[in-house]
Amino acid sequence: MKRLILSCCFCLALSVTPAQTSHTNIDNDQAKVLSVTVEPHQKTPVHQHVVNRVMIYLQAGRQNIDYQDGKKVLLDWKAGEAMWSPASGMHVAEITSDRPVTIVEVELKNPGSSAKAGTSSLDPVKLDSKHYQVEFENDQVRVLRVRIGAKETAPMHEHVLNRVVTYLTDQNFTVTTAEGKVQSVEHKAGDTSWGGPAKHKEENLSDKPFEALVVELKG
């Protein structure tokens, strides 16, 4: 009987789904990038965030956040939306929509600096506003939404700052550098990548539109 009770308890423990699972994609001296999948209708343990973050939501959803000081916050987002999330005190969070949500969290390790994202004459926002648009900007980041249609090409442009890219769709590109070097670049929707300063043009080889979010790091 004792063995049966222990076995049942073990099975019960295995059947409990954790509120969230996470995977570290990037971790360097500027940022830590996590992919966090949060289950619906399960409260997280009490926790806090000690650094500012950029949150990229891969699926639509809603979330309640209850702070220990009594403050309550309701978040509601669309698939592919980016939000600024400042450092916060102790709280419990719960996804109140009915499906799991995967969130790419870009944790910012450094304060903002005098670095400016748009200083180049080849800044993509100035040069190619059809494909590059600013979602939001502050003293730590500039967040760009990139949309390149099927078989379209984005002209030669320059990224001055290091950046984190989150792919909202699959990517099948050829990238040509200012020196003429041609590279094939492929990613799956939900992937993240790290990029340094670069000057290049990009061609979408796919017959489907491409979309990504780029977090340029000023610190």
Foldseek 3Di string as FASTA:
>chain_A
DVVVVVVVVVVVVVPDDAQKDKDWDDDDQWKTKIKMKGAAPDKHPWDWFQFKKKKFKQAWFKKWKAAPVGDIDIDGDHHGDIDIGGTDHIIMMHTHDHGIIIMIIIGGNDWADPDDFQPDPQRCCVVPVVFWDWPDDDRWKTKIKGKAFAQGKRDKGKGAAKKKKAWSAWAFKWKAFPVGDIDTDTDHHGDMDIDGIGIIMMTGNGNGMTIMMMIGGRD
